Amino acid sequence: MSRAYFLTKGLSICNRLTTWYRSAVESVQNLYTYMQSYAKTNQWVFMEGHTHPLPLSHVHNSVVPVWSYSSYRLTSNKETVDSVCRLSWLSANMVVVDQHHEIKYDMDTFIEQFRLVTHKQHCPTLMTIFLCWCAEKRQWFPANTIVQFHIITHEGKEEMLTLHSDNQSLEIKDNKIYYNMYLPQYENYLNTCTYFHA
């Protein structure tokens, strides 16, 4: 084998390594740019059929979101908005139970500042409010965690809500969001629980 052959093979390997290196550098730069824009974003959108909010900077199509969230303000995009509501809870703590431990978060600051701009018939779920808190605090949890809300209602009663069981238990009255375990769609769930736990 001649020197020309080894020189050609050496240059070929060098070109492949250079191409691989440039590709790796470009991927790291793209990841860094993505993470930087994610960390700086304050605008989130809730799409129909998605479980988590998406940063608005990462939505590049013309899909109309169901909700948009920015700086303690959740806005309905489904219908014409006609009211600004707030949570009626006097105080709340959120307890996240993971496989190995339990973590308690104070939600009082979030409750004080949170506003809902919506139509009176379009009420968010408990999951949507929870995800707004997650977006505001940049704190995310695995899907298998149990999330409980220990709230003090507007009447001074202590209630415990679980994220999945009480997800549809919120209603809007007098520009406030109330917990109501006696909503018509929620009563069917209560009857089911009574039947299975009796």
C-alpha atoms as a PDB file:
ATOM      1  CA  MET A   1       0.000   0.000   0.000  1.00  0.00           C
ATOM      2  CA  SER A   2       1.270   3.373  -0.914  1.00  0.00           C
ATOM      3  CA  ARG A   3       1.662   6.556   1.040  1.00  0.00           C
ATOM      4  CA  ALA A   4      -1.104   8.162  -1.015  1.00  0.00           C
ATOM      5  CA  TYR A   5      -3.564   5.522   0.196  1.00  0.00           C
ATOM      6  CA  PHE A   6      -2.757   6.162   3.877  1.00  0.00           C
ATOM      7  CA  LEU A   7      -2.790   9.910   3.333  1.00  0.00           C
ATOM      8  CA  THR A   8      -6.244   9.675   1.702  1.00  0.00           C
ATOM      9  CA  LYS A   9      -7.565   7.446   4.504  1.00  0.00           C
ATOM     10  CA  GLY A  10      -6.096   9.792   7.128  1.00  0.00           C
ATOM     11  CA  LEU A  11      -7.748  12.824   5.531  1.00  0.00           C
ATOM     12  CA  SER A  12     -11.037  10.927   5.239  1.00  0.00           C
ATOM     13  CA  ILE A  13     -10.981  10.024   8.943  1.00  0.00           C
ATOM     14  CA  CYS A  14      -9.998  13.585   9.850  1.00  0.00           C
ATOM     15  CA  ASN A  15     -12.933  14.951   7.796  1.00  0.00           C
ATOM     16  CA  ARG A  16     -15.362  12.544   9.482  1.00  0.00           C
ATOM     17  CA  LEU A  17     -14.110  13.494  12.934  1.00  0.00           C
ATOM     18  CA  THR A  18     -14.360  17.201  12.076  1.00  0.00           C
ATOM     19  CA  THR A  19     -17.927  16.729  10.797  1.00  0.00           C
ATOM     20  CA  TRP A  20     -18.864  14.759  13.923  1.00  0.00           C
ATOM     21  CA  TYR A  21     -17.290  17.400  16.173  1.00  0.00           C
ATOM     22  CA  ARG A  22     -19.133  20.257  14.427  1.00  0.00           C
ATOM     23  CA  SER A  23     -22.408  18.338  14.647  1.00  0.00           C
ATOM     24  CA  ALA A  24     -21.892  17.708  18.379  1.00  0.00           C
ATOM     25  CA  VAL A  25     -21.029  21.372  19.012  1.00  0.00           C
ATOM     26  CA  GLU A  26     -24.134  22.485  17.090  1.00  0.00           C
ATOM     27  CA  SER A  27     -26.344  20.079  19.074  1.00  0.00           C
ATOM     28  CA  VAL A  28     -24.973  21.348  22.381  1.00  0.00           C
ATOM     29  CA  GLN A  29     -25.485  24.966  21.267  1.00  0.00           C
ATOM     30  CA  ASN A  30     -29.089  24.217  20.245  1.00  0.00           C
ATOM     31  CA  LEU A  31     -29.742  22.524  23.577  1.00  0.00           C
ATOM     32  CA  TYR A  32     -28.226  25.460  25.440  1.00  0.00           C
ATOM     33  CA  THR A  33     -30.358  27.945  23.466  1.00  0.00           C
ATOM     34  CA  TYR A  34     -33.482  25.854  24.124  1.00  0.00           C
ATOM     35  CA  MET A  35     -32.787  25.653  27.862  1.00  0.00           C
ATOM     36  CA  GLN A  36     -32.002  29.357  28.037  1.00  0.00           C
ATOM     37  CA  SER A  37     -35.283  30.335  26.364  1.00  0.00           C
ATOM     38  CA  TYR A  38     -37.176  27.811  28.537  1.00  0.00           C
ATOM     39  CA  ALA A  39     -35.729  29.315  31.703  1.00  0.00           C
ATOM     40  CA  LYS A  40     -36.609  32.853  30.653  1.00  0.00           C
ATOM     41  CA  THR A  41     -40.150  32.210  29.425  1.00  0.00           C
ATOM     42  CA  ASN A  42     -43.077  33.538  31.409  1.00  0.00           C
ATOM     43  CA  GLN A  43     -45.765  32.713  28.864  1.00  0.00           C
ATOM     44  CA  TRP A  44     -47.265  29.244  28.740  1.00  0.00           C
ATOM     45  CA  VAL A  45     -50.106  27.736  26.741  1.00  0.00           C
ATOM     46  CA  PHE A  46     -52.389  24.798  27.477  1.00  0.00           C
ATOM     47  CA  MET A  47     -53.264  22.935  24.281  1.00  0.00           C
ATOM     48  CA  GLU A  48     -56.279  20.700  23.849  1.00  0.00           C
ATOM     49  CA  GLY A  49     -55.195  17.123  24.497  1.00  0.00           C
ATOM     50  CA  HIS A  50     -51.823  17.995  26.098  1.00  0.00           C
ATOM     51  CA  THR A  51     -51.208  17.286  29.746  1.00  0.00           C
ATOM     52  CA  HIS A  52     -48.522  19.895  30.404  1.00  0.00           C
ATOM     53  CA  PRO A  53     -48.295  23.547  29.439  1.00  0.00           C
ATOM     54  CA  LEU A  54     -45.904  24.453  26.662  1.00  0.00           C
ATOM     55  CA  PRO A  55     -43.695  27.543  26.619  1.00  0.00           C
ATOM     56  CA  LEU A  56     -45.183  29.959  24.091  1.00  0.00           C
ATOM     57  CA  SER A  57     -41.755  30.439  22.537  1.00  0.00           C
ATOM     58  CA  HIS A  58     -41.799  26.765  21.458  1.00  0.00           C
ATOM     59  CA  VAL A  59     -45.191  26.813  19.729  1.00  0.00           C
ATOM     60  CA  HIS A  60     -44.715  27.546  16.054  1.00  0.00           C
ATOM     61  CA  ASN A  61     -48.063  26.565  14.551  1.00  0.00           C
ATOM     62  CA  SER A  62     -51.473  28.220  14.435  1.00  0.00           C
ATOM     63  CA  VAL A  63     -53.255  26.006  16.964  1.00  0.00           C
ATOM     64  CA  VAL A  64     -55.409  28.042  19.354  1.00  0.00           C
ATOM     65  CA  PRO A  65     -54.683  27.064  22.961  1.00  0.00           C
ATOM     66  CA  VAL A  66     -57.470  26.468  25.487  1.00  0.00           C
ATOM     67  CA  TRP A  67     -55.686  28.483  28.198  1.00  0.00           C
ATOM     68  CA  SER A  68     -52.716  30.815  28.242  1.00  0.00           C
ATOM     69  CA  TYR A  69     -50.784  31.579  31.413  1.00  0.00           C
ATOM     70  CA  SER A  70     -48.347  34.350  32.278  1.00  0.00           C
ATOM     71  CA  SER A  71     -47.273  35.800  35.630  1.00  0.00           C
ATOM     72  CA  TYR A  72     -50.070  34.545  37.882  1.00  0.00           C
ATOM     73  CA  ARG A  73     -52.712  35.231  35.191  1.00  0.00           C
ATOM     74  CA  LEU A  74     -54.612  32.369  33.508  1.00  0.00           C
ATOM     75  CA  THR A  75     -56.657  33.469  30.489  1.00  0.00           C
ATOM     76  CA  SER A  76     -59.316  31.490  28.669  1.00  0.00           C
ATOM     77  CA  ASN A  77     -58.953  31.386  24.894  1.00  0.00           C
ATOM     78  CA  LYS A  78     -62.112  29.349  24.312  1.00  0.00           C
ATOM     79  CA  GLU A  79     -64.780  32.032  24.606  1.00  0.00           C
ATOM     80  CA  THR A  80     -65.033  35.781  24.985  1.00  0.00           C
ATOM     81  CA  VAL A  81     -63.799  36.679  28.446  1.00  0.00           C
ATOM     82  CA  ASP A  82     -66.076  38.746  30.668  1.00  0.00           C
ATOM     83  CA  SER A  83     -64.773  38.406  34.206  1.00  0.00           C
ATOM     84  CA  VAL A  84     -61.640  38.345  36.318  1.00  0.00           C
ATOM     85  CA  CYS A  85     -61.773  35.774  39.111  1.00  0.00           C
ATOM     86  CA  ARG A  86     -59.558  34.758  41.978  1.00  0.00           C
ATOM     87  CA  LEU A  87     -59.350  31.701  44.210  1.00  0.00           C
ATOM     88  CA  SER A  88     -61.677  31.812  47.190  1.00  0.00           C
ATOM     89  CA  TRP A  89     -59.341  29.782  49.377  1.00  0.00           C
ATOM     90  CA  LEU A  90     -58.043  31.547  52.464  1.00  0.00           C
ATOM     91  CA  SER A  91     -54.910  29.419  52.617  1.00  0.00           C
ATOM     92  CA  ALA A  92     -53.460  26.333  50.981  1.00  0.00           C
ATOM     93  CA  ASN A  93     -50.571  23.946  51.278  1.00  0.00           C
ATOM     94  CA  MET A  94     -49.689  21.428  48.640  1.00  0.00           C
ATOM     95  CA  VAL A  95     -48.269  18.063  49.649  1.00  0.00           C
ATOM     96  CA  VAL A  96     -46.471  16.022  47.009  1.00  0.00           C
ATOM     97  CA  VAL A  97     -46.058  12.373  47.915  1.00  0.00           C
ATOM     98  CA  ASP A  98     -43.355  10.598  45.965  1.00  0.00           C
ATOM     99  CA  GLN A  99     -42.234   6.991  46.277  1.00  0.00           C
ATOM    100  CA  HIS A 100     -39.689   7.782  48.960  1.00  0.00           C
ATOM    101  CA  HIS A 101     -40.713  11.032  50.613  1.00  0.00           C
ATOM    102  CA  GLU A 102     -43.327  13.719  51.131  1.00  0.00           C
ATOM    103  CA  ILE A 103     -42.718  17.408  50.391  1.00  0.00           C
ATOM    104  CA  LYS A 104     -44.927  20.280  51.565  1.00  0.00           C
ATOM    105  CA  TYR A 105     -45.212  23.555  49.607  1.00  0.00           C
ATOM    106  CA  ASP A 106     -46.847  26.766  50.788  1.00  0.00           C
ATOM    107  CA  MET A 107     -49.239  28.139  48.138  1.00  0.00           C
ATOM    108  CA  ASP A 108     -50.436  31.304  49.922  1.00  0.00           C
ATOM    109  CA  THR A 109     -48.429  33.725  47.761  1.00  0.00           C
ATOM    110  CA  PHE A 110     -49.686  32.007  44.618  1.00  0.00           C
ATOM    111  CA  ILE A 111     -53.310  32.157  45.861  1.00  0.00           C
ATOM    112  CA  GLU A 112     -53.052  35.878  46.595  1.00  0.00           C
ATOM    113  CA  GLN A 113     -51.661  36.771  43.174  1.00  0.00           C
ATOM    114  CA  PHE A 114     -53.447  34.245  40.933  1.00  0.00           C
ATOM    115  CA  ARG A 115     -56.135  35.691  38.625  1.00  0.00           C
ATOM    116  CA  LEU A 116     -58.387  33.912  36.156  1.00  0.00           C
ATOM    117  CA  VAL A 117     -59.633  35.839  33.135  1.00  0.00           C
ATOM    118  CA  THR A 118     -62.492  33.813  31.704  1.00  0.00           C
ATOM    119  CA  HIS A 119     -66.103  33.418  30.746  1.00  0.00           C
ATOM    120  CA  LYS A 120     -68.235  32.452  33.747  1.00  0.00           C
ATOM    121  CA  GLN A 121     -68.978  29.030  32.251  1.00  0.00           C
ATOM    122  CA  HIS A 122     -65.341  28.124  31.528  1.00  0.00           C
ATOM    123  CA  CYS A 123     -63.708  27.042  34.781  1.00  0.00           C
ATOM    124  CA  PRO A 124     -60.245  25.489  34.900  1.00  0.00           C
ATOM    125  CA  THR A 125     -59.643  22.117  36.475  1.00  0.00           C
ATOM    126  CA  LEU A 126     -57.608  21.622  39.616  1.00  0.00           C
ATOM    127  CA  MET A 127     -54.914  20.111  37.373  1.00  0.00           C
ATOM    128  CA  THR A 128     -54.737  23.332  35.332  1.00  0.00           C
ATOM    129  CA  ILE A 129     -54.271  25.426  38.478  1.00  0.00           C
ATOM    130  CA  PHE A 130     -51.635  22.976  39.717  1.00  0.00           C
ATOM    131  CA  LEU A 131     -49.765  23.228  36.395  1.00  0.00           C
ATOM    132  CA  CYS A 132     -49.923  27.035  36.571  1.00  0.00           C
ATOM    133  CA  TRP A 133     -48.225  26.814  39.968  1.00  0.00           C
ATOM    134  CA  CYS A 134     -45.629  24.429  38.480  1.00  0.00           C
ATOM    135  CA  ALA A 135     -44.955  26.820  35.584  1.00  0.00           C
ATOM    136  CA  GLU A 136     -44.686  29.802  37.928  1.00  0.00           C
ATOM    137  CA  LYS A 137     -42.262  28.044  40.279  1.00  0.00           C
ATOM    138  CA  ARG A 138     -40.455  26.037  37.548  1.00  0.00           C
ATOM    139  CA  GLN A 139     -41.068  22.963  39.682  1.00  0.00           C
ATOM    140  CA  TRP A 140     -42.204  19.808  37.872  1.00  0.00           C
ATOM    141  CA  PHE A 141     -43.103  16.371  39.225  1.00  0.00           C
ATOM    142  CA  PRO A 142     -43.188  12.829  37.813  1.00  0.00           C
ATOM    143  CA  ALA A 143     -46.563  11.509  36.656  1.00  0.00           C
ATOM    144  CA  ASN A 144     -46.774   8.884  39.406  1.00  0.00           C
ATOM    145  CA  THR A 145     -46.660  11.348  42.329  1.00  0.00           C
ATOM    146  CA  ILE A 146     -49.690  11.941  44.502  1.00  0.00           C
ATOM    147  CA  VAL A 147     -50.586  15.609  44.889  1.00  0.00           C
ATOM    148  CA  GLN A 148     -52.839  16.764  47.739  1.00  0.00           C
ATOM    149  CA  PHE A 149     -54.094  20.268  48.450  1.00  0.00           C
ATOM    150  CA  HIS A 150     -54.804  21.090  52.088  1.00  0.00           C
ATOM    151  CA  ILE A 151     -56.981  24.180  51.816  1.00  0.00           C
ATOM    152  CA  ILE A 152     -58.940  26.448  54.098  1.00  0.00           C
ATOM    153  CA  THR A 153     -62.122  27.350  52.243  1.00  0.00           C
ATOM    154  CA  HIS A 154     -63.829  30.758  52.254  1.00  0.00           C
ATOM    155  CA  GLU A 155     -65.990  29.427  55.121  1.00  0.00           C
ATOM    156  CA  GLY A 156     -62.951  28.573  57.233  1.00  0.00           C
ATOM    157  CA  LYS A 157     -63.324  24.801  56.767  1.00  0.00           C
ATOM    158  CA  GLU A 158     -60.290  22.630  56.235  1.00  0.00           C
ATOM    159  CA  GLU A 159     -60.542  20.430  53.157  1.00  0.00           C
ATOM    160  CA  MET A 160     -58.157  18.046  51.459  1.00  0.00           C
ATOM    161  CA  LEU A 161     -58.301  17.785  47.675  1.00  0.00           C
ATOM    162  CA  THR A 162     -56.402  15.223  45.658  1.00  0.00           C
ATOM    163  CA  LEU A 163     -55.343  16.123  42.177  1.00  0.00           C
ATOM    164  CA  HIS A 164     -57.066  13.351  40.251  1.00  0.00           C
ATOM    165  CA  SER A 165     -60.109  12.689  42.439  1.00  0.00           C
ATOM    166  CA  ASP A 166     -61.141  16.338  42.829  1.00  0.00           C
ATOM    167  CA  ASN A 167     -60.026  17.555  39.407  1.00  0.00           C
ATOM    168  CA  GLN A 168     -63.522  18.621  38.264  1.00  0.00           C
ATOM    169  CA  SER A 169     -64.675  20.037  41.625  1.00  0.00           C
ATOM    170  CA  LEU A 170     -64.154  23.756  40.960  1.00  0.00           C
ATOM    171  CA  GLU A 171     -66.821  26.281  40.013  1.00  0.00           C
ATOM    172  CA  ILE A 172     -67.035  30.032  39.463  1.00  0.00           C
ATOM    173  CA  LYS A 173     -69.472  32.174  41.469  1.00  0.00           C
ATOM    174  CA  ASP A 174     -69.319  35.915  42.120  1.00  0.00           C
ATOM    175  CA  ASN A 175     -65.910  36.227  40.420  1.00  0.00           C
ATOM    176  CA  LYS A 176     -64.310  33.665  42.701  1.00  0.00           C
ATOM    177  CA  ILE A 177     -63.267  30.061  42.153  1.00  0.00           C
ATOM    178  CA  TYR A 178     -64.820  27.777  44.771  1.00  0.00           C
ATOM    179  CA  TYR A 179     -64.291  24.168  45.696  1.00  0.00           C
ATOM    180  CA  ASN A 180     -67.637  22.395  45.501  1.00  0.00           C
ATOM    181  CA  MET A 181     -67.794  18.676  46.108  1.00  0.00           C
ATOM    182  CA  TYR A 182     -71.488  18.680  45.174  1.00  0.00           C
ATOM    183  CA  LEU A 183     -71.190  19.646  41.527  1.00  0.00           C
ATOM    184  CA  PRO A 184     -73.474  17.501  39.295  1.00  0.00           C
ATOM    185  CA  GLN A 185     -70.613  15.836  37.388  1.00  0.00           C
ATOM    186  CA  TYR A 186     -68.765  15.275  40.665  1.00  0.00           C
ATOM    187  CA  GLU A 187     -71.714  13.616  42.450  1.00  0.00           C
ATOM    188  CA  ASN A 188     -71.477  10.601  40.146  1.00  0.00           C
ATOM    189  CA  TYR A 189     -67.875  10.147  41.241  1.00  0.00           C
ATOM    190  CA  LEU A 190     -68.864  10.428  44.925  1.00  0.00           C
ATOM    191  CA  ASN A 191     -71.609   7.833  44.478  1.00  0.00           C
ATOM    192  CA  THR A 192     -69.088   5.507  42.822  1.00  0.00           C
ATOM    193  CA  CYS A 193     -66.633   5.957  45.707  1.00  0.00           C
ATOM    194  CA  THR A 194     -69.392   5.351  48.267  1.00  0.00           C
ATOM    195  CA  TYR A 195     -70.422   2.185  46.475  1.00  0.00           C
ATOM    196  CA  PHE A 196     -66.908   0.762  46.286  1.00  0.00           C
ATOM    197  CA  HIS A 197     -65.786   1.884  49.749  1.00  0.00           C
ATOM    198  CA  ALA A 198     -68.950   1.077  51.682  1.00  0.00           C
END
